[in-house]
Amino acid sequence: MSVILYATQEAASMIRDCFNVALVISLIVHNFTPILALQCKGENNQDVDWFVIYKIPKLPKSENVLIKEGVAYLYMDSSNHKSGWTLSEKDISKNDSIPAYTLSPFYDDKTAIDSLWILYNDQPPNQPARLINGHAKGAIITNGKEGFWLIHSVPNFPPQPNTGEDVLKSKNDKVESGAQAGSKDYPTGGYSYPSSGRTNGQSFLCVSTNEDSFNSIGKQLIYNQIIVYRRNVPNRLTSKVTTLVEAAKQVRVNSPPYYHMVNFYSKSGMKFTSFAKSSKWDKDLYDDFVAPQFNTDLYTETWMNGRGKLPTDCNSTKVMNIKSISLSKAQISFNSTHDHSKWAISANDEYSLVCIGDINRANTQFLRGGGTVCLSSPEVWKGYRDSVEEVEPCPINKKKGVFERIKSWFG
């Protein structure tokens, strides 16, 4: 009988121990908040090495509701780009869109507070637009081991997270007249897409990368003279990504050269080339830097509605303005005057070059910082090249007289 009683007590003790272990595990699981992976995301919230997005302009006559409302987008990423552009069925302003998935670590307080990140925009949300320093927009985040760099063209985007600190305009900042009164209605603390980004086309490039690249990217951001509107710089990372910390603090380049190029690599090893220039360089990024560096003609799609627009340049390597775009996957065409994107491609497939960045082809941009990031991919290049519907031709050389023109016919 005593043997049976002892066995029963042992069994009861084991049951209690198992129950206690299960309870502890349950409490740990219940209270554990996972830190989100810092990587570019795809259409189904999966990790991707990189992506490009073409946000379609608002076209009120379109039968597609998303296009009609200015929230439709096409995308290519590292997993699907061989098929060309894919028209998303999602609304870019919603939390299940590619930008929302990608930017979610900024709005997850536990992840954000433990990461080093920078949000920069010359047209920041809830602050006046800046007219000096960098004409650049983007977001970068790292935990010291991995992270991503998102380059985009959207004003007043993305919203400020709950964590981090605001970086307000300095006394020396020159701001856009009337901008202060009309820029304080954007929500904070979570993902949203601004009304200011709906009317025109917009461009995005996201690159997932690792610890080896962040100081190189930080140096480019310093040359670009980024205007930081919110940042988070944990003490534990200040000695690991020192140059990126300097970019977060808006350090500027004060001695020549005032331009810089660097190669960096995605997590899976894809090569990207970043071009950056300071306002002190006083030249055009595409004519004087990108095209000569690759020794290739370029087609460029940048904002055509501002002051000082540069004409197509055919003096050496040609840099030709795109006049209209056709996106067959979305069954639409539109003029470049409805496109706020900043992209350029090689005119032929020798390099299969695609560059997405910050700055426009305008003489007013000579005195602004800004850059572009280029990749080489035949499939991505074809997606952009096929969208080029009309290009501004080379200017007629007005210096030639009648005699010279007649003579050239027989030369």
Protein backbone atom coordinates (compact mmCIF):
# COMPACT_ATOMS: atom_id res chain seq x y z
CA MET A 1 0.00 0.00 0.00
CA SER A 2 2.88 2.35 0.90
CA VAL A 3 4.48 1.67 -2.47
CA ILE A 4 1.29 2.65 -4.26
CA LEU A 5 0.96 5.81 -2.13
CA TYR A 6 4.59 6.79 -2.86
CA ALA A 7 4.08 6.26 -6.59
CA THR A 8 0.93 8.37 -6.49
CA GLN A 9 2.77 11.19 -4.70
CA GLU A 10 5.62 11.04 -7.23
CA ALA A 11 3.14 11.23 -10.11
CA ALA A 12 1.39 14.19 -8.51
CA SER A 13 4.74 15.94 -8.02
CA MET A 14 5.66 15.39 -11.67
CA ILE A 15 2.29 16.73 -12.79
CA ARG A 16 2.79 19.85 -10.63
CA ASP A 17 6.29 20.36 -12.07
CA CYS A 18 5.02 19.98 -15.62
CA PHE A 19 2.18 22.39 -14.89
CA ASN A 20 4.60 24.96 -13.45
CA VAL A 21 6.92 24.67 -16.46
CA ALA A 22 3.97 25.04 -18.83
CA LEU A 23 2.76 28.07 -16.88
CA VAL A 24 6.17 29.75 -17.05
CA ILE A 25 6.43 29.06 -20.80
CA SER A 26 2.92 30.41 -21.30
CA LEU A 27 3.75 33.61 -19.41
CA ILE A 28 6.96 34.09 -21.39
CA VAL A 29 5.20 33.60 -24.71
CA HIS A 30 2.33 35.86 -23.64
CA ASN A 31 4.65 38.70 -22.62
CA PHE A 32 7.20 38.30 -25.40
CA THR A 33 6.99 40.92 -28.14
CA PRO A 34 9.15 39.90 -31.11
CA ILE A 35 11.52 42.48 -32.58
CA LEU A 36 10.62 42.82 -36.25
CA ALA A 37 13.09 41.86 -38.97
CA LEU A 38 14.73 44.89 -40.56
CA GLN A 39 14.39 44.06 -44.22
CA CYS A 40 12.58 45.26 -47.33
CA LYS A 41 9.23 43.49 -47.68
CA GLY A 42 7.29 42.06 -50.59
CA GLU A 43 3.61 42.13 -51.48
CA ASN A 44 2.80 39.35 -48.99
CA ASN A 45 4.99 40.72 -46.18
CA GLN A 46 7.79 38.31 -47.06
CA ASP A 47 11.45 39.35 -46.79
CA VAL A 48 12.93 40.48 -50.11
CA ASP A 49 16.45 41.58 -50.98
CA TRP A 50 15.25 44.71 -52.79
CA PHE A 51 12.24 46.20 -54.54
CA VAL A 52 11.26 49.05 -56.85
CA ILE A 53 7.82 50.66 -56.90
CA TYR A 54 6.16 52.95 -59.44
CA LYS A 55 3.26 54.73 -57.75
CA ILE A 56 0.85 55.57 -60.57
CA PRO A 57 -0.49 59.14 -60.93
CA LYS A 58 -4.09 59.87 -60.05
CA LEU A 59 -6.06 59.42 -63.28
CA PRO A 60 -9.73 60.32 -62.63
CA LYS A 61 -10.97 58.73 -65.89
CA SER A 62 -9.48 55.30 -65.15
CA GLU A 63 -11.84 52.37 -64.60
CA ASN A 64 -9.44 51.03 -61.96
CA VAL A 65 -10.62 52.45 -58.62
CA LEU A 66 -7.12 52.53 -57.13
CA ILE A 67 -5.70 54.39 -60.13
CA LYS A 68 -8.66 56.77 -60.08
CA GLU A 69 -7.90 57.62 -56.43
CA GLY A 70 -4.12 57.91 -56.89
CA VAL A 71 -3.19 54.96 -54.65
CA ALA A 72 -2.26 52.27 -57.22
CA TYR A 73 1.26 50.99 -57.72
CA LEU A 74 3.36 48.64 -59.82
CA TYR A 75 6.30 46.77 -58.34
CA MET A 76 9.23 44.49 -59.05
CA ASP A 77 11.31 42.80 -56.37
CA SER A 78 14.17 40.34 -56.02
CA SER A 79 11.81 37.37 -56.18
CA ASN A 80 9.55 38.30 -59.13
CA HIS A 81 11.41 40.81 -61.33
CA LYS A 82 11.99 38.35 -64.15
CA SER A 83 8.27 38.73 -64.95
CA GLY A 84 8.51 42.52 -65.22
CA TRP A 85 6.09 44.92 -63.57
CA THR A 86 3.27 43.54 -61.42
CA LEU A 87 0.20 45.69 -60.81
CA SER A 88 -0.65 45.45 -57.12
CA GLU A 89 -4.24 44.92 -56.09
CA LYS A 90 -3.51 46.82 -52.88
CA ASP A 91 -3.94 50.46 -51.88
CA ILE A 92 -0.58 52.11 -51.11
CA SER A 93 -2.17 54.03 -48.24
CA LYS A 94 -3.21 50.85 -46.40
CA ASN A 95 -1.28 48.79 -43.85
CA ASP A 96 -1.04 45.76 -46.16
CA SER A 97 0.88 47.58 -48.91
CA ILE A 98 4.58 47.03 -49.62
CA PRO A 99 5.69 50.39 -48.16
CA ALA A 100 3.59 49.80 -45.03
CA TYR A 101 5.02 46.32 -44.46
CA THR A 102 8.55 47.62 -45.01
CA LEU A 103 8.19 50.64 -42.72
CA SER A 104 6.39 48.75 -39.93
CA PRO A 105 9.55 48.50 -37.72
CA PHE A 106 9.48 52.30 -37.36
CA TYR A 107 6.01 52.05 -35.78
CA ASP A 108 6.71 49.02 -33.61
CA ASP A 109 7.96 50.81 -30.50
CA LYS A 110 10.04 47.91 -29.15
CA THR A 111 11.85 47.48 -32.46
CA ALA A 112 12.19 51.19 -33.17
CA ILE A 113 13.61 52.21 -29.80
CA ASP A 114 16.35 49.57 -30.07
CA SER A 115 17.35 50.50 -33.65
CA LEU A 116 19.26 53.36 -35.20
CA TRP A 117 17.10 55.06 -37.78
CA ILE A 118 16.76 58.27 -39.76
CA LEU A 119 13.76 59.77 -41.55
CA TYR A 120 14.69 62.56 -43.95
CA ASN A 121 12.69 64.68 -46.40
CA ASP A 122 13.06 68.19 -47.82
CA GLN A 123 9.26 68.35 -47.53
CA PRO A 124 8.84 66.80 -44.05
CA PRO A 125 5.44 66.01 -42.55
CA ASN A 126 4.15 68.67 -40.16
CA GLN A 127 7.05 71.03 -40.91
CA PRO A 128 7.64 73.63 -43.65
CA ALA A 129 9.35 72.54 -46.87
CA ARG A 130 13.06 73.41 -47.14
CA LEU A 131 14.57 75.25 -50.09
CA ILE A 132 18.26 74.70 -49.27
CA ASN A 133 20.49 71.70 -48.50
CA GLY A 134 19.39 68.28 -49.74
CA HIS A 135 16.59 67.69 -52.21
CA ALA A 136 16.31 64.14 -50.88
CA LYS A 137 13.72 61.85 -49.33
CA GLY A 138 14.18 58.51 -47.60
CA ALA A 139 14.39 56.28 -44.55
CA ILE A 140 17.17 54.10 -43.19
CA ILE A 141 17.17 51.72 -40.22
CA THR A 142 19.64 49.24 -38.70
CA ASN A 143 20.12 47.20 -35.55
CA GLY A 144 23.86 47.13 -36.17
CA LYS A 145 23.75 43.86 -38.10
CA GLU A 146 21.07 44.27 -40.76
CA GLY A 147 18.60 46.83 -42.02
CA PHE A 148 17.44 48.61 -45.15
CA TRP A 149 17.64 51.88 -47.05
CA LEU A 150 14.43 53.18 -48.65
CA ILE A 151 14.74 55.98 -51.21
CA HIS A 152 11.53 57.64 -52.42
CA SER A 153 10.09 60.82 -53.94
CA VAL A 154 6.97 61.31 -51.78
CA PRO A 155 6.53 64.63 -49.94
CA ASN A 156 5.41 64.61 -46.27
CA PHE A 157 6.26 60.90 -45.94
CA PRO A 158 6.61 58.71 -43.95
CA PRO A 159 4.87 59.81 -40.71
CA GLN A 160 6.81 60.40 -37.49
CA PRO A 161 6.96 57.32 -35.21
CA ASN A 162 6.20 57.50 -31.49
CA THR A 163 9.84 56.85 -30.60
CA GLY A 164 12.91 58.90 -31.48
CA GLU A 165 13.26 62.67 -31.47
CA ASP A 166 12.12 65.43 -33.80
CA VAL A 167 14.74 67.49 -35.59
CA LEU A 168 13.31 70.95 -36.12
CA LYS A 169 14.41 73.48 -38.72
CA SER A 170 17.42 75.60 -37.86
CA LYS A 171 17.56 79.40 -37.97
CA ASN A 172 19.50 79.23 -41.24
CA ASP A 173 16.91 77.11 -43.05
CA LYS A 174 15.15 78.77 -45.96
CA VAL A 175 11.56 77.53 -46.10
CA GLU A 176 8.84 77.58 -48.71
CA SER A 177 6.41 80.47 -48.32
CA GLY A 178 3.04 79.34 -47.02
CA ALA A 179 4.26 75.81 -46.40
CA GLN A 180 4.23 76.13 -42.61
CA ALA A 181 0.53 76.88 -42.48
CA GLY A 182 -0.47 73.95 -44.67
CA SER A 183 1.76 71.12 -43.49
CA LYS A 184 0.58 70.28 -39.98
CA ASP A 185 -2.30 67.91 -40.56
CA TYR A 186 -0.47 64.60 -41.07
CA PRO A 187 -1.03 61.82 -38.48
CA THR A 188 1.84 60.41 -36.43
CA GLY A 189 2.66 57.13 -34.69
CA GLY A 190 1.65 54.77 -37.49
CA TYR A 191 1.80 54.20 -41.22
CA SER A 192 -0.19 56.40 -43.56
CA TYR A 193 0.25 57.82 -47.05
CA PRO A 194 -0.17 61.57 -47.58
CA SER A 195 -2.69 63.23 -49.86
CA SER A 196 0.24 65.22 -51.29
CA GLY A 197 1.64 61.98 -52.74
CA ARG A 198 -1.48 60.90 -54.61
CA THR A 199 -1.83 63.26 -57.57
CA ASN A 200 1.51 62.59 -59.26
CA GLY A 201 3.59 59.52 -59.99
CA GLN A 202 6.18 58.60 -57.36
CA SER A 203 9.23 56.31 -57.21
CA PHE A 204 10.63 53.96 -54.55
CA LEU A 205 13.76 51.84 -54.19
CA CYS A 206 14.43 49.67 -51.14
CA VAL A 207 17.66 47.75 -50.53
CA SER A 208 18.12 45.25 -47.68
CA THR A 209 21.71 45.33 -46.52
CA ASN A 210 24.07 44.34 -43.71
CA GLU A 211 26.47 45.95 -41.27
CA ASP A 212 29.24 46.35 -43.85
CA SER A 213 27.24 48.91 -45.85
CA PHE A 214 25.79 51.34 -43.33
CA ASN A 215 28.80 53.60 -42.91
CA SER A 216 29.20 53.79 -46.70
CA ILE A 217 25.54 54.77 -47.03
CA GLY A 218 25.97 57.24 -44.16
CA LYS A 219 28.75 58.99 -46.08
CA GLN A 220 26.47 59.33 -49.11
CA LEU A 221 23.74 60.83 -46.94
CA ILE A 222 26.23 63.40 -45.64
CA TYR A 223 27.10 64.40 -49.22
CA ASN A 224 23.38 64.52 -50.03
CA GLN A 225 22.91 67.03 -47.18
CA ILE A 226 19.80 65.22 -45.98
CA ILE A 227 17.23 67.16 -43.97
CA VAL A 228 16.42 64.93 -40.99
CA TYR A 229 13.01 65.40 -39.40
CA ARG A 230 13.08 62.50 -36.95
CA ARG A 231 15.81 60.14 -35.75
CA ASN A 232 16.72 57.57 -33.13
CA VAL A 233 20.36 57.00 -32.16
CA PRO A 234 20.82 54.37 -29.40
CA ASN A 235 24.07 54.69 -27.46
CA ARG A 236 24.92 51.03 -28.07
CA LEU A 237 25.25 51.66 -31.83
CA THR A 238 27.12 54.97 -31.90
CA SER A 239 30.55 53.35 -32.09
CA LYS A 240 29.49 50.73 -34.63
CA VAL A 241 28.02 52.94 -37.39
CA THR A 242 29.81 56.20 -36.69
CA THR A 243 29.35 57.71 -40.15
CA LEU A 244 25.64 56.94 -40.17
CA VAL A 245 25.41 58.65 -36.76
CA GLU A 246 27.08 61.72 -38.30
CA ALA A 247 24.46 61.68 -41.07
CA ALA A 248 21.73 61.52 -38.43
CA LYS A 249 23.27 64.62 -36.84
CA GLN A 250 23.27 66.38 -40.25
CA VAL A 251 27.03 66.75 -40.56
CA ARG A 252 27.92 68.55 -43.83
CA VAL A 253 30.83 68.29 -46.29
CA ASN A 254 32.98 71.42 -45.96
CA SER A 255 35.88 70.70 -48.31
CA PRO A 256 36.18 69.35 -51.87
CA PRO A 257 35.45 67.11 -53.59
CA TYR A 258 31.77 67.90 -53.21
CA TYR A 259 30.58 64.72 -54.91
CA HIS A 260 31.08 61.04 -54.12
CA MET A 261 30.35 57.62 -55.58
CA VAL A 262 30.39 54.31 -53.71
CA ASN A 263 29.40 50.71 -54.39
CA PHE A 264 27.55 48.79 -51.73
CA TYR A 265 25.86 45.40 -51.66
CA SER A 266 22.49 43.99 -50.68
CA LYS A 267 22.17 41.12 -48.20
CA SER A 268 22.26 38.59 -51.03
CA GLY A 269 25.26 40.27 -52.69
CA MET A 270 23.66 42.37 -55.45
CA LYS A 271 25.76 45.40 -56.35
CA PHE A 272 24.33 48.92 -56.08
CA THR A 273 26.13 52.16 -56.97
CA SER A 274 25.28 55.35 -55.07
CA PHE A 275 25.97 58.80 -56.52
CA ALA A 276 25.78 61.78 -54.16
CA LYS A 277 26.47 65.48 -54.51
CA SER A 278 26.62 68.47 -52.22
CA SER A 279 25.08 71.85 -53.05
CA LYS A 280 28.65 73.19 -53.29
CA TRP A 281 29.35 71.09 -56.38
CA ASP A 282 27.03 73.34 -58.44
CA LYS A 283 26.48 70.86 -61.30
CA ASP A 284 23.84 68.49 -62.66
CA LEU A 285 23.94 65.00 -61.17
CA TYR A 286 23.00 63.19 -64.41
CA ASP A 287 24.95 65.21 -67.03
CA ASP A 288 28.12 65.66 -65.03
CA PHE A 289 28.33 62.55 -62.87
CA VAL A 290 26.18 59.51 -63.69
CA ALA A 291 26.34 59.52 -67.52
CA PRO A 292 30.12 60.16 -67.73
CA GLN A 293 30.85 57.61 -65.01
CA PHE A 294 29.13 54.83 -66.95
CA ASN A 295 29.95 56.37 -70.34
CA THR A 296 26.36 55.84 -71.44
CA ASP A 297 23.44 57.88 -72.71
CA LEU A 298 20.58 58.27 -70.25
CA TYR A 299 16.83 58.72 -70.33
CA THR A 300 15.74 60.69 -67.26
CA GLU A 301 12.33 61.02 -65.64
CA THR A 302 12.30 63.86 -63.11
CA TRP A 303 9.92 66.64 -62.08
CA MET A 304 9.21 68.76 -65.17
CA ASN A 305 7.07 71.47 -63.57
CA GLY A 306 9.63 73.36 -61.52
CA ARG A 307 11.77 76.40 -62.31
CA GLY A 308 14.93 76.08 -64.38
CA LYS A 309 14.15 72.81 -66.16
CA LEU A 310 17.16 71.60 -68.13
CA PRO A 311 16.64 70.62 -71.78
CA THR A 312 17.83 67.35 -73.26
CA ASP A 313 21.63 67.51 -73.46
CA CYS A 314 23.39 65.94 -76.44
CA ASN A 315 26.87 67.49 -76.14
CA SER A 316 28.78 64.32 -75.18
CA THR A 317 27.00 61.48 -73.46
CA LYS A 318 23.35 62.27 -74.09
CA VAL A 319 20.97 62.91 -71.21
CA MET A 320 17.45 62.98 -72.61
CA ASN A 321 14.29 64.05 -70.82
CA ILE A 322 11.36 61.65 -70.97
CA LYS A 323 8.15 63.41 -72.04
CA SER A 324 5.55 60.68 -71.61
CA ILE A 325 5.18 57.29 -69.95
CA SER A 326 3.18 54.19 -70.90
CA LEU A 327 2.70 51.39 -68.34
CA SER A 328 1.13 48.49 -70.22
CA LYS A 329 0.55 46.33 -67.12
CA ALA A 330 -1.75 49.08 -65.83
CA GLN A 331 -3.05 49.98 -69.33
CA ILE A 332 -2.29 53.67 -68.84
CA SER A 333 -0.24 56.49 -70.34
CA PHE A 334 0.55 59.90 -68.86
CA ASN A 335 2.75 62.93 -69.44
CA SER A 336 5.86 63.54 -67.37
CA THR A 337 4.21 66.68 -66.03
CA HIS A 338 2.10 64.29 -63.91
CA ASP A 339 5.12 62.41 -62.59
CA HIS A 340 7.10 63.35 -59.48
CA SER A 341 9.35 60.27 -59.81
CA LYS A 342 13.14 60.58 -59.97
CA TRP A 343 14.59 57.81 -62.12
CA ALA A 344 16.99 57.33 -65.00
CA ILE A 345 17.97 54.43 -67.24
CA SER A 346 20.68 53.73 -69.76
CA ALA A 347 19.40 54.36 -73.28
CA ASN A 348 20.50 50.88 -74.37
CA ASP A 349 20.90 47.53 -72.67
CA GLU A 350 24.71 47.45 -72.62
CA TYR A 351 24.64 48.24 -68.91
CA SER A 352 20.93 47.57 -68.24
CA LEU A 353 21.24 50.47 -65.83
CA VAL A 354 18.37 51.70 -63.63
CA CYS A 355 18.87 54.58 -61.19
CA ILE A 356 16.31 55.79 -58.64
CA GLY A 357 16.95 58.81 -56.48
CA ASP A 358 16.26 62.27 -55.20
CA ILE A 359 17.06 65.10 -57.51
CA ASN A 360 15.59 66.75 -60.62
CA ARG A 361 17.20 67.93 -63.85
CA ALA A 362 16.94 71.69 -63.24
CA ASN A 363 19.50 74.45 -62.79
CA THR A 364 17.87 75.29 -59.46
CA GLN A 365 19.04 71.86 -58.27
CA PHE A 366 22.70 72.73 -58.88
CA LEU A 367 22.61 74.38 -55.46
CA ARG A 368 20.91 71.44 -53.72
CA GLY A 369 22.35 68.22 -52.41
CA GLY A 370 20.94 64.94 -53.66
CA GLY A 371 21.75 61.67 -55.32
CA THR A 372 20.64 58.50 -57.01
CA VAL A 373 21.26 54.77 -56.54
CA CYS A 374 21.83 52.56 -59.57
CA LEU A 375 21.47 48.83 -60.18
CA SER A 376 22.11 46.67 -63.20
CA SER A 377 19.36 44.21 -64.13
CA PRO A 378 18.18 43.36 -67.66
CA GLU A 379 14.65 42.58 -66.44
CA VAL A 380 14.26 45.72 -64.33
CA TRP A 381 15.80 47.84 -67.08
CA LYS A 382 13.36 46.42 -69.63
CA GLY A 383 10.43 47.23 -67.35
CA TYR A 384 11.46 50.87 -67.22
CA ARG A 385 12.65 51.08 -70.85
CA ASP A 386 9.35 49.74 -72.17
CA SER A 387 7.57 52.49 -70.24
CA VAL A 388 9.35 55.26 -72.16
CA GLU A 389 6.79 56.48 -74.68
CA GLU A 390 8.26 59.79 -75.87
CA VAL A 391 11.61 61.52 -75.35
CA GLU A 392 12.51 65.18 -75.79
CA PRO A 393 14.78 65.34 -78.87
CA CYS A 394 18.21 66.92 -78.98
CA PRO A 395 18.06 70.73 -79.30
CA ILE A 396 18.62 72.20 -82.75
CA ASN A 397 22.03 73.84 -82.94
CA LYS A 398 21.04 77.45 -83.57
CA LYS A 399 24.65 78.58 -84.01
CA LYS A 400 24.87 77.05 -87.48
CA GLY A 401 24.08 79.47 -90.27
CA VAL A 402 22.36 78.63 -93.55
CA PHE A 403 25.67 78.00 -95.34
CA GLU A 404 26.89 75.59 -92.64
CA ARG A 405 23.61 73.66 -92.68
CA ILE A 406 23.67 73.31 -96.49
CA LYS A 407 27.32 72.28 -96.35
CA SER A 408 26.54 69.58 -93.78
CA TRP A 409 24.03 67.99 -96.18
CA PHE A 410 26.88 67.17 -98.57
CA GLY A 411 29.42 66.25 -95.90
